[in-house]
Each structure stands twice: as structure tokens, then as C-alpha cells.
Amino acid sequence: MGKCNGYEVVDYLYGYITKNYSGAVLVEENSLDLPNFLQNEFKQPNKNCSIVSITRVISYYQDYFSNISEQEIFDQVFTIAKSYGFSDAIGTLPVKIDDIMKDYFRFYGIKIKAKGKYFSNFYNPVKSEIDKGRPLLMNIAFGEYHNHTVTITGYKIFKFKGMNIKFIEVIDGWRKTKTYIDYNIFSHSLLSAGVCSYNTLEILKK
């Protein structure tokens, strides 16, 4: 567990709950099963977090493709990302993630709706997308995940002293286990205003 600049990245959730919200009761949860590969398993490991997160989400929809490996998905996404300005210095601009995903699926004749969400909250889009079986990307500009893109795979909601304590479940591309972000702390940090965005993906037609 690491605390940095107003929010915590939680490795051991129930230890964190015991320490900070003793007596809290789990009231709702949902989690999607996505491949958990690391950024350094692919070429161009520097600043590739968005490309790897996009690759992970595309891999989740593997039923729409036939015999395409994760490496092949990454290679194609990487090529598209370069056309939208990817570089070793800055990585992928979050505002271009939607375009990258649209171009990838368009190549296979699959219609999607990809959107960037810049003024959002836990319930929309995080909970609403996960409840519809759709993972999403989260771009964070501060804290331990400074200038990093993670994949949101689920959430947990605990009841504590009449309050809903909300956690976002993520795969960060750095470790093989899922981590959690205490959204109540994250959203109340002064640093979170305007420096967090989401990217959603909905497949419209096979």
C-alpha cells in the first residue's frame, strides 16, 4: 500500500479496510476478468501504459476476433498510436485514446462507441460501465499513478457509519495483482480536480 499526494494505491484491500474503516460491511461488488499482462512484456516498454491498457480491453473482447494474439493486438495498437503522436517522451495523449480504439475496431469492420469522460464520478462511468460488462480506462495525472493509464476492472462498495465507501479495482500494468483506489479519498483530493479522465468502449455491431 502506498500513500502519495492525496490518495492511496491499495494492495491488500481488507487490511486497508480494517485499518481505516473498521467494521465496514461489503454491500455491493462487481469484477470483470481481464488478462493481467505487464507493460514490460511488450516492446517499447517506456510510456506504453495507454497502449497496454487498450490492448487489455481489446483482448477482453476476443470473441469478436479470431486467432489474434495479445502481441499482435499490441503491435497494431502501437502502430495506430504512433499515427496519433505517441512518443517516448510523452506516451499517448489521453484525448487520442478514443481515436486509437475506433481505428482498431474499424479495421475489423466492428462498430463501436468510444468516448472520453472528463467530468465524471464513481457511478458514471465507473459503476455503470462495469455493471454492463464493459471495462474502461482511467488516466491519472497525479500521485503514485502520475501520468499513468490503468484499466478499471471492477469496484467494491462498503457501508461505514452510514456512508458508502467506494473502491475502484484496477490493473495497473506494473504488478500481477489487482490494486484498489479509495475513491472517497481520491475524489476529495484537491489534486484530483481536472486531472483524471476515463475512456469507455461499447461495441455496437459485430
Foldseek 3Di string as FASTA:
>chain_A
DDDWQFWDKFDDVVVVCCVPFNPWAWDDKFFADWDQAALVVAPPSQLAQLLLQLLGQVVSVCVLDPPQDSRNSSVLLVVLQVVVPADSVQGGDPVCSQVSNCVVVVVVVWDKDKDKFQPAACVPPPVVQRVVVWKKKKAACDIPQHRFIWIFGMKIWIAGPNDTFIWTWTRRNHDRGIIIIRRVRLVPRPRNRRGMMMMTMGTDGD
